[in-house]
């Protein structure tokens, strides 16, 4: 079964993503992990909008794509039960970018 998932990143990464897709990255900073792409699986429709709020930055891109549910790996370092990671290249479409969360919130209330 395929599921729609989302990846949040800074607009500075937009061009490389458009050219090469989302590439799994390795971390050697705070938490060591093998190459992966972090994604979230919304439980409700407005979870995508809430993602902007939780980033605390109105200048973020959210990339939307579908993956096979069985390819999702639970992010054990997250307190959320809808955070996952994948370990393959994805060619997503840009879902939203540069949205002012306060304006979105006011329109949705």
PDB file of N, CA and C in Angstrom:
ATOM      1  N   UNK A   1       0.841  -1.170   0.000  1.00  0.00           N
ATOM      2  CA  UNK A   1       0.000   0.000   0.000  1.00  0.00           C
ATOM      3  C   UNK A   1       0.899   1.250   0.000  1.00  0.00           C
ATOM      4  N   UNK A   2       0.598   2.184  -0.900  1.00  0.00           N
ATOM      5  CA  UNK A   2       1.380   3.408  -0.989  1.00  0.00           C
ATOM      6  C   UNK A   2       0.789   4.467  -0.070  1.00  0.00           C
ATOM      7  N   UNK A   3       1.687   5.259   0.528  1.00  0.00           N
ATOM      8  CA  UNK A   3       1.288   6.333   1.439  1.00  0.00           C
ATOM      9  C   UNK A   3       1.943   7.633   1.009  1.00  0.00           C
ATOM     10  N   UNK A   4       1.216   8.727   1.176  1.00  0.00           N
ATOM     11  CA  UNK A   4       1.765  10.045   0.896  1.00  0.00           C
ATOM     12  C   UNK A   4       2.563  10.492   2.121  1.00  0.00           C
ATOM     13  N   UNK A   5       3.823  10.875   1.905  1.00  0.00           N
ATOM     14  CA  UNK A   5       4.689  11.342   2.987  1.00  0.00           C
ATOM     15  C   UNK A   5       5.273  12.690   2.603  1.00  0.00           C
ATOM     16  N   UNK A   6       5.880  13.364   3.580  1.00  0.00           N
ATOM     17  CA  UNK A   6       6.404  14.710   3.377  1.00  0.00           C
ATOM     18  C   UNK A   6       7.792  14.832   3.985  1.00  0.00           C
ATOM     19  N   UNK A   7       8.630  15.627   3.311  1.00  0.00           N
ATOM     20  CA  UNK A   7       9.972  15.920   3.801  1.00  0.00           C
ATOM     21  C   UNK A   7      10.113  17.440   3.867  1.00  0.00           C
ATOM     22  N   UNK A   8      10.600  17.960   4.990  1.00  0.00           N
ATOM     23  CA  UNK A   8      10.762  19.400   5.183  1.00  0.00           C
ATOM     24  C   UNK A   8      12.239  19.754   5.074  1.00  0.00           C
ATOM     25  N   UNK A   9      12.532  20.811   4.332  1.00  0.00           N
ATOM     26  CA  UNK A   9      13.910  21.270   4.210  1.00  0.00           C
ATOM     27  C   UNK A   9      13.931  22.756   3.868  1.00  0.00           C
ATOM     28  N   UNK A  10      15.119  23.334   3.894  1.00  0.00           N
ATOM     29  CA  UNK A  10      15.285  24.753   3.595  1.00  0.00           C
ATOM     30  C   UNK A  10      15.232  25.015   2.087  1.00  0.00           C
ATOM     31  N   UNK A  11      14.746  26.181   1.673  1.00  0.00           N
ATOM     32  CA  UNK A  11      14.683  26.518   0.250  1.00  0.00           C
ATOM     33  C   UNK A  11      16.045  26.471  -0.453  1.00  0.00           C
ATOM     34  N   UNK A  12      17.128  26.648   0.284  1.00  0.00           N
ATOM     35  CA  UNK A  12      18.459  26.590  -0.339  1.00  0.00           C
ATOM     36  C   UNK A  12      18.719  25.209  -0.950  1.00  0.00           C
ATOM     37  N   UNK A  13      17.966  24.198  -0.505  1.00  0.00           N
ATOM     38  CA  UNK A  13      18.129  22.842  -1.036  1.00  0.00           C
ATOM     39  C   UNK A  13      17.220  22.558  -2.238  1.00  0.00           C
ATOM     40  N   UNK A  14      16.405  23.516  -2.620  1.00  0.00           N
ATOM     41  CA  UNK A  14      15.404  23.302  -3.666  1.00  0.00           C
ATOM     42  C   UNK A  14      16.022  22.915  -5.009  1.00  0.00           C
ATOM     43  N   UNK A  15      16.982  23.706  -5.481  1.00  0.00           N
ATOM     44  CA  UNK A  15      17.575  23.423  -6.796  1.00  0.00           C
ATOM     45  C   UNK A  15      18.246  22.054  -6.857  1.00  0.00           C
ATOM     46  N   UNK A  16      19.092  21.696  -5.862  1.00  0.00           N
ATOM     47  CA  UNK A  16      19.680  20.355  -5.910  1.00  0.00           C
ATOM     48  C   UNK A  16      18.631  19.238  -5.888  1.00  0.00           C
ATOM     49  N   UNK A  17      17.544  19.447  -5.149  1.00  0.00           N
ATOM     50  CA  UNK A  17      16.486  18.432  -5.105  1.00  0.00           C
ATOM     51  C   UNK A  17      15.796  18.336  -6.455  1.00  0.00           C
ATOM     52  N   UNK A  18      15.523  19.482  -7.068  1.00  0.00           N
ATOM     53  CA  UNK A  18      14.884  19.475  -8.387  1.00  0.00           C
ATOM     54  C   UNK A  18      15.782  18.798  -9.430  1.00  0.00           C
ATOM     55  N   UNK A  19      17.086  18.987  -9.299  1.00  0.00           N
ATOM     56  CA  UNK A  19      18.032  18.410 -10.260  1.00  0.00           C
ATOM     57  C   UNK A  19      18.301  16.924 -10.016  1.00  0.00           C
ATOM     58  N   UNK A  20      18.461  16.543  -8.742  1.00  0.00           N
ATOM     59  CA  UNK A  20      18.927  15.193  -8.410  1.00  0.00           C
ATOM     60  C   UNK A  20      17.942  14.344  -7.624  1.00  0.00           C
ATOM     61  N   UNK A  21      16.843  14.930  -7.167  1.00  0.00           N
ATOM     62  CA  UNK A  21      15.924  14.225  -6.287  1.00  0.00           C
ATOM     63  C   UNK A  21      16.374  14.363  -4.842  1.00  0.00           C
ATOM     64  N   UNK A  22      15.603  13.787  -3.951  1.00  0.00           N
ATOM     65  CA  UNK A  22      15.989  13.749  -2.535  1.00  0.00           C
ATOM     66  C   UNK A  22      16.967  12.598  -2.363  1.00  0.00           C
ATOM     67  N   UNK A  23      18.153  12.928  -1.889  1.00  0.00           N
ATOM     68  CA  UNK A  23      19.195  11.922  -1.725  1.00  0.00           C
ATOM     69  C   UNK A  23      19.378  11.587  -0.253  1.00  0.00           C
ATOM     70  N   UNK A  24      19.466  10.320   0.089  1.00  0.00           N
ATOM     71  CA  UNK A  24      19.740   9.958   1.490  1.00  0.00           C
ATOM     72  C   UNK A  24      21.063  10.572   1.936  1.00  0.00           C
ATOM     73  N   UNK A  25      21.065  11.164   3.112  1.00  0.00           N
ATOM     74  CA  UNK A  25      22.264  11.793   3.680  1.00  0.00           C
ATOM     75  C   UNK A  25      22.659  11.087   4.967  1.00  0.00           C
ATOM     76  N   UNK A  26      23.941  11.100   5.223  1.00  0.00           N
ATOM     77  CA  UNK A  26      24.512  10.487   6.416  1.00  0.00           C
ATOM     78  C   UNK A  26      24.784  11.579   7.446  1.00  0.00           C
ATOM     79  N   UNK A  27      24.608  11.289   8.711  1.00  0.00           N
ATOM     80  CA  UNK A  27      24.900  12.253   9.769  1.00  0.00           C
ATOM     81  C   UNK A  27      26.102  11.792  10.573  1.00  0.00           C
ATOM     82  N   UNK A  28      26.947  12.754  10.842  1.00  0.00           N
ATOM     83  CA  UNK A  28      28.092  12.485  11.721  1.00  0.00           C
ATOM     84  C   UNK A  28      28.170  13.557  12.792  1.00  0.00           C
ATOM     85  N   UNK A  29      27.062  14.262  13.007  1.00  0.00           N
ATOM     86  CA  UNK A  29      27.066  15.354  13.974  1.00  0.00           C
ATOM     87  C   UNK A  29      26.547  14.894  15.337  1.00  0.00           C
ATOM     88  N   UNK A  30      25.264  15.128  15.589  1.00  0.00           N
ATOM     89  CA  UNK A  30      24.703  14.882  16.911  1.00  0.00           C
ATOM     90  C   UNK A  30      24.287  13.435  17.114  1.00  0.00           C
ATOM     91  N   UNK A  31      23.538  12.916  16.170  1.00  0.00           N
ATOM     92  CA  UNK A  31      23.102  11.522  16.228  1.00  0.00           C
ATOM     93  C   UNK A  31      23.674  10.836  14.992  1.00  0.00           C
ATOM     94  N   UNK A  32      24.466   9.827  15.183  1.00  0.00           N
ATOM     95  CA  UNK A  32      25.068   9.136  14.048  1.00  0.00           C
ATOM     96  C   UNK A  32      24.046   8.196  13.414  1.00  0.00           C
ATOM     97  N   UNK A  33      23.942   8.266  12.100  1.00  0.00           N
ATOM     98  CA  UNK A  33      23.058   7.348  11.387  1.00  0.00           C
ATOM     99  C   UNK A  33      23.540   7.189   9.948  1.00  0.00           C
ATOM    100  N   UNK A  34      23.147   6.095   9.364  1.00  0.00           N
ATOM    101  CA  UNK A  34      23.478   5.799   7.972  1.00  0.00           C
ATOM    102  C   UNK A  34      22.636   6.678   7.052  1.00  0.00           C
ATOM    103  N   UNK A  35      22.980   6.762   5.763  1.00  0.00           N
ATOM    104  CA  UNK A  35      22.236   7.638   4.842  1.00  0.00           C
ATOM    105  C   UNK A  35      20.732   7.364   4.851  1.00  0.00           C
ATOM    106  N   UNK A  36      19.981   8.443   4.981  1.00  0.00           N
ATOM    107  CA  UNK A  36      18.516   8.343   5.024  1.00  0.00           C
ATOM    108  C   UNK A  36      17.875   9.681   4.721  1.00  0.00           C
ATOM    109  N   UNK A  37      16.588   9.642   4.459  1.00  0.00           N
ATOM    110  CA  UNK A  37      15.759  10.829   4.266  1.00  0.00           C
ATOM    111  C   UNK A  37      14.668  10.753   5.324  1.00  0.00           C
ATOM    112  N   UNK A  38      14.555  11.786   6.127  1.00  0.00           N
ATOM    113  CA  UNK A  38      13.523  11.814   7.150  1.00  0.00           C
ATOM    114  C   UNK A  38      12.212  12.320   6.540  1.00  0.00           C
ATOM    115  N   UNK A  39      11.116  11.653   6.890  1.00  0.00           N
ATOM    116  CA  UNK A  39       9.795  11.996   6.360  1.00  0.00           C
ATOM    117  C   UNK A  39       8.770  11.905   7.490  1.00  0.00           C
ATOM    118  N   UNK A  40       7.616  12.521   7.259  1.00  0.00           N
ATOM    119  CA  UNK A  40       6.517  12.306   8.200  1.00  0.00           C
ATOM    120  C   UNK A  40       5.282  11.899   7.433  1.00  0.00           C
ATOM    121  N   UNK A  41       4.488  11.097   8.091  1.00  0.00           N
ATOM    122  CA  UNK A  41       3.251  10.555   7.546  1.00  0.00           C
ATOM    123  C   UNK A  41       2.106  11.237   8.290  1.00  0.00           C
ATOM    124  N   UNK A  42       1.385  12.155   7.629  1.00  0.00           N
ATOM    125  CA  UNK A  42       0.326  12.886   8.332  1.00  0.00           C
ATOM    126  C   UNK A  42      -0.811  11.962   8.771  1.00  0.00           C
ATOM    127  N   UNK A  43      -1.310  12.233   9.951  1.00  0.00           N
ATOM    128  CA  UNK A  43      -2.466  11.488  10.453  1.00  0.00           C
ATOM    129  C   UNK A  43      -3.756  12.176  10.013  1.00  0.00           C
ATOM    130  N   UNK A  44      -3.680  13.512   9.918  1.00  0.00           N
ATOM    131  CA  UNK A  44      -4.837  14.306   9.521  1.00  0.00           C
ATOM    132  C   UNK A  44      -4.399  15.315   8.468  1.00  0.00           C
ATOM    133  N   UNK A  45      -5.367  15.873   7.760  1.00  0.00           N
ATOM    134  CA  UNK A  45      -5.075  16.798   6.665  1.00  0.00           C
ATOM    135  C   UNK A  45      -4.237  17.997   7.105  1.00  0.00           C
ATOM    136  N   UNK A  46      -4.538  18.582   8.250  1.00  0.00           N
ATOM    137  CA  UNK A  46      -3.826  19.789   8.658  1.00  0.00           C
ATOM    138  C   UNK A  46      -2.462  19.487   9.303  1.00  0.00           C
ATOM    139  N   UNK A  47      -2.062  18.245   9.400  1.00  0.00           N
ATOM    140  CA  UNK A  47      -0.723  17.925   9.912  1.00  0.00           C
ATOM    141  C   UNK A  47       0.367  18.534   9.045  1.00  0.00           C
ATOM    142  N   UNK A  48       0.113  18.660   7.755  1.00  0.00           N
ATOM    143  CA  UNK A  48       1.105  19.252   6.860  1.00  0.00           C
ATOM    144  C   UNK A  48       1.279  20.728   7.197  1.00  0.00           C
ATOM    145  N   UNK A  49       0.172  21.432   7.441  1.00  0.00           N
ATOM    146  CA  UNK A  49       0.264  22.840   7.828  1.00  0.00           C
ATOM    147  C   UNK A  49       0.924  22.996   9.190  1.00  0.00           C
ATOM    148  N   UNK A  50       0.619  22.099  10.102  1.00  0.00           N
ATOM    149  CA  UNK A  50       1.238  22.162  11.423  1.00  0.00           C
ATOM    150  C   UNK A  50       2.747  21.956  11.343  1.00  0.00           C
ATOM    151  N   UNK A  51       3.194  21.222  10.356  1.00  0.00           N
ATOM    152  CA  UNK A  51       4.633  20.995  10.191  1.00  0.00           C
ATOM    153  C   UNK A  51       5.371  22.315  10.013  1.00  0.00           C
ATOM    154  N   UNK A  52       4.781  23.247   9.282  1.00  0.00           N
ATOM    155  CA  UNK A  52       5.403  24.559   9.134  1.00  0.00           C
ATOM    156  C   UNK A  52       5.538  25.243  10.487  1.00  0.00           C
ATOM    157  N   UNK A  53       4.488  25.155  11.274  1.00  0.00           N
ATOM    158  CA  UNK A  53       4.497  25.786  12.591  1.00  0.00           C
ATOM    159  C   UNK A  53       5.609  25.199  13.460  1.00  0.00           C
ATOM    160  N   UNK A  54       5.744  23.890  13.470  1.00  0.00           N
ATOM    161  CA  UNK A  54       6.728  23.249  14.332  1.00  0.00           C
ATOM    162  C   UNK A  54       8.164  23.493  13.896  1.00  0.00           C
ATOM    163  N   UNK A  55       8.374  23.862  12.637  1.00  0.00           N
ATOM    164  CA  UNK A  55       9.737  24.168  12.201  1.00  0.00           C
ATOM    165  C   UNK A  55      10.180  25.519  12.737  1.00  0.00           C
ATOM    166  N   UNK A  56       9.239  26.339  13.163  1.00  0.00           N
ATOM    167  CA  UNK A  56       9.517  27.678  13.676  1.00  0.00           C
ATOM    168  C   UNK A  56      10.170  28.571  12.623  1.00  0.00           C
ATOM    169  N   UNK A  57       9.953  28.248  11.369  1.00  0.00           N
ATOM    170  CA  UNK A  57      10.557  29.013  10.281  1.00  0.00           C
ATOM    171  C   UNK A  57       9.564  29.054   9.131  1.00  0.00           C
ATOM    172  N   UNK A  58       9.176  30.249   8.731  1.00  0.00           N
ATOM    173  CA  UNK A  58       8.177  30.349   7.674  1.00  0.00           C
ATOM    174  C   UNK A  58       8.759  30.109   6.293  1.00  0.00           C
ATOM    175  N   UNK A  59      10.054  30.067   6.166  1.00  0.00           N
ATOM    176  CA  UNK A  59      10.683  29.858   4.866  1.00  0.00           C
ATOM    177  C   UNK A  59      11.200  28.438   4.735  1.00  0.00           C
ATOM    178  N   UNK A  60      10.281  27.506   4.680  1.00  0.00           N
ATOM    179  CA  UNK A  60      10.639  26.098   4.533  1.00  0.00           C
ATOM    180  C   UNK A  60       9.898  25.530   3.326  1.00  0.00           C
ATOM    181  N   UNK A  61      10.506  24.524   2.717  1.00  0.00           N
ATOM    182  CA  UNK A  61       9.845  23.789   1.651  1.00  0.00           C
ATOM    183  C   UNK A  61       9.354  22.465   2.215  1.00  0.00           C
ATOM    184  N   UNK A  62       8.192  22.056   1.774  1.00  0.00           N
ATOM    185  CA  UNK A  62       7.699  20.720   2.112  1.00  0.00           C
ATOM    186  C   UNK A  62       7.551  19.968   0.801  1.00  0.00           C
ATOM    187  N   UNK A  63       8.204  18.831   0.727  1.00  0.00           N
ATOM    188  CA  UNK A  63       8.183  17.992  -0.468  1.00  0.00           C
ATOM    189  C   UNK A  63       7.242  16.828  -0.233  1.00  0.00           C
ATOM    190  N   UNK A  64       6.379  16.581  -1.196  1.00  0.00           N
ATOM    191  CA  UNK A  64       5.369  15.526  -1.086  1.00  0.00           C
ATOM    192  C   UNK A  64       5.687  14.411  -2.080  1.00  0.00           C
ATOM    193  N   UNK A  65       5.577  13.173  -1.616  1.00  0.00           N
ATOM    194  CA  UNK A  65       5.749  12.034  -2.510  1.00  0.00           C
ATOM    195  C   UNK A  65       5.114  10.803  -1.885  1.00  0.00           C
ATOM    196  N   UNK A  66       4.946   9.772  -2.689  1.00  0.00           N
ATOM    197  CA  UNK A  66       4.363   8.528  -2.209  1.00  0.00           C
ATOM    198  C   UNK A  66       5.429   7.454  -2.145  1.00  0.00           C
ATOM    199  N   UNK A  67       5.327   6.630  -1.118  1.00  0.00           N
ATOM    200  CA  UNK A  67       6.218   5.485  -0.969  1.00  0.00           C
ATOM    201  C   UNK A  67       5.394   4.285  -0.526  1.00  0.00           C
ATOM    202  N   UNK A  68       5.939   3.128  -0.723  1.00  0.00           N
ATOM    203  CA  UNK A  68       5.308   1.923  -0.215  1.00  0.00           C
ATOM    204  C   UNK A  68       5.397   1.963   1.308  1.00  0.00           C
ATOM    205  N   UNK A  69       4.287   1.715   1.985  1.00  0.00           N
ATOM    206  CA  UNK A  69       4.268   1.785   3.447  1.00  0.00           C
ATOM    207  C   UNK A  69       5.344   0.891   4.074  1.00  0.00           C
ATOM    208  N   UNK A  70       5.616  -0.248   3.467  1.00  0.00           N
ATOM    209  CA  UNK A  70       6.608  -1.172   4.013  1.00  0.00           C
ATOM    210  C   UNK A  70       8.039  -0.655   3.908  1.00  0.00           C
ATOM    211  N   UNK A  71       8.253   0.410   3.133  1.00  0.00           N
ATOM    212  CA  UNK A  71       9.597   0.971   3.012  1.00  0.00           C
ATOM    213  C   UNK A  71       9.888   2.003   4.103  1.00  0.00           C
ATOM    214  N   UNK A  72       8.872   2.352   4.893  1.00  0.00           N
ATOM    215  CA  UNK A  72       9.055   3.328   5.974  1.00  0.00           C
ATOM    216  C   UNK A  72       9.663   2.665   7.197  1.00  0.00           C
ATOM    217  N   UNK A  73      10.705   3.300   7.721  1.00  0.00           N
ATOM    218  CA  UNK A  73      11.363   2.840   8.951  1.00  0.00           C
ATOM    219  C   UNK A  73      11.056   3.844  10.053  1.00  0.00           C
ATOM    220  N   UNK A  74      10.612   3.365  11.184  1.00  0.00           N
ATOM    221  CA  UNK A  74      10.276   4.238  12.312  1.00  0.00           C
ATOM    222  C   UNK A  74      11.513   4.990  12.774  1.00  0.00           C
ATOM    223  N   UNK A  75      11.380   6.300  12.962  1.00  0.00           N
ATOM    224  CA  UNK A  75      12.474   7.106  13.494  1.00  0.00           C
ATOM    225  C   UNK A  75      12.487   6.940  15.009  1.00  0.00           C
ATOM    226  N   UNK A  76      13.381   6.118  15.480  1.00  0.00           N
ATOM    227  CA  UNK A  76      13.445   5.790  16.911  1.00  0.00           C
ATOM    228  C   UNK A  76      13.930   6.958  17.767  1.00  0.00           C
ATOM    229  N   UNK A  77      14.484   7.991  17.143  1.00  0.00           N
ATOM    230  CA  UNK A  77      14.961   9.150  17.899  1.00  0.00           C
ATOM    231  C   UNK A  77      13.902  10.236  18.039  1.00  0.00           C
ATOM    232  N   UNK A  78      12.750  10.014  17.445  1.00  0.00           N
ATOM    233  CA  UNK A  78      11.664  10.989  17.514  1.00  0.00           C
ATOM    234  C   UNK A  78      10.632  10.569  18.550  1.00  0.00           C
ATOM    235  N   UNK A  79      10.025  11.562  19.174  1.00  0.00           N
ATOM    236  CA  UNK A  79       8.938  11.292  20.125  1.00  0.00           C
ATOM    237  C   UNK A  79       7.600  11.119  19.414  1.00  0.00           C
ATOM    238  N   UNK A  80       7.578  11.424  18.137  1.00  0.00           N
ATOM    239  CA  UNK A  80       6.342  11.338  17.369  1.00  0.00           C
ATOM    240  C   UNK A  80       6.204   9.964  16.731  1.00  0.00           C
ATOM    241  N   UNK A  81       4.986   9.478  16.677  1.00  0.00           N
ATOM    242  CA  UNK A  81       4.762   8.174  16.059  1.00  0.00           C
ATOM    243  C   UNK A  81       4.495   8.268  14.556  1.00  0.00           C
ATOM    244  N   UNK A  82       4.606   9.486  13.990  1.00  0.00           N
ATOM    245  CA  UNK A  82       4.436   9.606  12.541  1.00  0.00           C
ATOM    246  C   UNK A  82       5.710  10.093  11.840  1.00  0.00           C
ATOM    247  N   UNK A  83       6.851   9.946  12.502  1.00  0.00           N
ATOM    248  CA  UNK A  83       8.147  10.284  11.898  1.00  0.00           C
ATOM    249  C   UNK A  83       8.863   9.001  11.485  1.00  0.00           C
ATOM    250  N   UNK A  84       9.307   8.998  10.230  1.00  0.00           N
ATOM    251  CA  UNK A  84       9.946   7.825   9.650  1.00  0.00           C
ATOM    252  C   UNK A  84      11.172   8.239   8.863  1.00  0.00           C
ATOM    253  N   UNK A  85      11.856   7.252   8.300  1.00  0.00           N
ATOM    254  CA  UNK A  85      12.943   7.525   7.366  1.00  0.00           C
ATOM    255  C   UNK A  85      12.938   6.453   6.283  1.00  0.00           C
ATOM    256  N   UNK A  86      13.512   6.846   5.150  1.00  0.00           N
ATOM    257  CA  UNK A  86      13.672   5.935   4.023  1.00  0.00           C
ATOM    258  C   UNK A  86      15.132   6.005   3.586  1.00  0.00           C
ATOM    259  N   UNK A  87      15.574   5.024   2.824  1.00  0.00           N
ATOM    260  CA  UNK A  87      16.993   5.000   2.456  1.00  0.00           C
ATOM    261  C   UNK A  87      17.215   4.882   0.952  1.00  0.00           C
ATOM    262  N   UNK A  88      16.343   5.503   0.169  1.00  0.00           N
ATOM    263  CA  UNK A  88      16.474   5.456  -1.290  1.00  0.00           C
ATOM    264  C   UNK A  88      16.180   6.840  -1.872  1.00  0.00           C
ATOM    265  N   UNK A  89      16.666   7.076  -3.087  1.00  0.00           N
ATOM    266  CA  UNK A  89      16.464   8.355  -3.768  1.00  0.00           C
ATOM    267  C   UNK A  89      14.998   8.498  -4.176  1.00  0.00           C
ATOM    268  N   UNK A  90      14.478   9.717  -4.018  1.00  0.00           N
ATOM    269  CA  UNK A  90      13.088  10.006  -4.379  1.00  0.00           C
ATOM    270  C   UNK A  90      13.066  11.248  -5.264  1.00  0.00           C
ATOM    271  N   UNK A  91      12.188  11.231  -6.253  1.00  0.00           N
ATOM    272  CA  UNK A  91      11.996  12.386  -7.127  1.00  0.00           C
ATOM    273  C   UNK A  91      10.612  12.968  -6.853  1.00  0.00           C
ATOM    274  N   UNK A  92      10.512  13.814  -5.822  1.00  0.00           N
ATOM    275  CA  UNK A  92       9.212  14.340  -5.396  1.00  0.00           C
ATOM    276  C   UNK A  92       8.806  15.593  -6.150  1.00  0.00           C
ATOM    277  N   UNK A  93       7.577  16.049  -5.864  1.00  0.00           N
ATOM    278  CA  UNK A  93       7.135  17.350  -6.341  1.00  0.00           C
ATOM    279  C   UNK A  93       7.119  18.281  -5.139  1.00  0.00           C
ATOM    280  N   UNK A  94       7.320  19.544  -5.395  1.00  0.00           N
ATOM    281  CA  UNK A  94       7.281  20.532  -4.319  1.00  0.00           C
ATOM    282  C   UNK A  94       5.834  20.742  -3.914  1.00  0.00           C
ATOM    283  N   UNK A  95       5.533  20.537  -2.637  1.00  0.00           N
ATOM    284  CA  UNK A  95       4.162  20.640  -2.156  1.00  0.00           C
ATOM    285  C   UNK A  95       3.817  22.092  -1.830  1.00  0.00           C
ATOM    286  N   UNK A  96       4.588  22.694  -0.960  1.00  0.00           N
ATOM    287  CA  UNK A  96       4.375  24.086  -0.575  1.00  0.00           C
ATOM    288  C   UNK A  96       5.742  24.682  -0.254  1.00  0.00           C
ATOM    289  N   UNK A  97       5.851  25.997  -0.372  1.00  0.00           N
ATOM    290  CA  UNK A  97       7.078  26.631   0.068  1.00  0.00           C
ATOM    291  C   UNK A  97       6.810  28.069   0.455  1.00  0.00           C
ATOM    292  N   UNK A  98       7.636  28.552   1.346  1.00  0.00           N
ATOM    293  CA  UNK A  98       7.617  29.959   1.748  1.00  0.00           C
ATOM    294  C   UNK A  98       6.231  30.446   2.172  1.00  0.00           C
ATOM    295  N   UNK A  99       5.578  29.664   2.987  1.00  0.00           N
ATOM    296  CA  UNK A  99       4.259  30.056   3.499  1.00  0.00           C
ATOM    297  C   UNK A  99       4.426  30.684   4.878  1.00  0.00           C
ATOM    298  N   UNK A 100       3.764  31.797   5.067  1.00  0.00           N
ATOM    299  CA  UNK A 100       3.763  32.419   6.375  1.00  0.00           C
ATOM    300  C   UNK A 100       2.736  31.675   7.228  1.00  0.00           C
ATOM    301  N   UNK A 101       3.206  30.970   8.242  1.00  0.00           N
ATOM    302  CA  UNK A 101       2.326  30.111   9.032  1.00  0.00           C
ATOM    303  C   UNK A 101       1.204  30.889   9.700  1.00  0.00           C
ATOM    304  N   UNK A 102       1.464  32.125  10.098  1.00  0.00           N
ATOM    305  CA  UNK A 102       0.412  32.884  10.764  1.00  0.00           C
ATOM    306  C   UNK A 102      -0.729  33.165   9.798  1.00  0.00           C
ATOM    307  N   UNK A 103      -0.427  33.498   8.561  1.00  0.00           N
ATOM    308  CA  UNK A 103      -1.473  33.735   7.573  1.00  0.00           C
ATOM    309  C   UNK A 103      -2.266  32.464   7.302  1.00  0.00           C
ATOM    310  N   UNK A 104      -1.578  31.368   7.174  1.00  0.00           N
ATOM    311  CA  UNK A 104      -2.257  30.092   6.932  1.00  0.00           C
ATOM    312  C   UNK A 104      -3.167  29.771   8.101  1.00  0.00           C
ATOM    313  N   UNK A 105      -2.664  29.960   9.323  1.00  0.00           N
ATOM    314  CA  UNK A 105      -3.468  29.638  10.509  1.00  0.00           C
ATOM    315  C   UNK A 105      -4.725  30.496  10.550  1.00  0.00           C
ATOM    316  N   UNK A 106      -4.586  31.768  10.248  1.00  0.00           N
ATOM    317  CA  UNK A 106      -5.744  32.648  10.295  1.00  0.00           C
ATOM    318  C   UNK A 106      -6.776  32.256   9.246  1.00  0.00           C
ATOM    319  N   UNK A 107      -6.333  31.840   8.097  1.00  0.00           N
ATOM    320  CA  UNK A 107      -7.254  31.455   7.038  1.00  0.00           C
ATOM    321  C   UNK A 107      -7.950  30.132   7.358  1.00  0.00           C
ATOM    322  N   UNK A 108      -7.296  29.261   8.094  1.00  0.00           N
ATOM    323  CA  UNK A 108      -7.848  27.940   8.350  1.00  0.00           C
ATOM    324  C   UNK A 108      -8.781  27.920   9.561  1.00  0.00           C
ATOM    325  N   UNK A 109      -8.732  28.937  10.398  1.00  0.00           N
ATOM    326  CA  UNK A 109      -9.547  28.935  11.621  1.00  0.00           C
ATOM    327  C   UNK A 109     -10.983  29.279  11.292  1.00  0.00           C
TER     328      UNK A 109
END
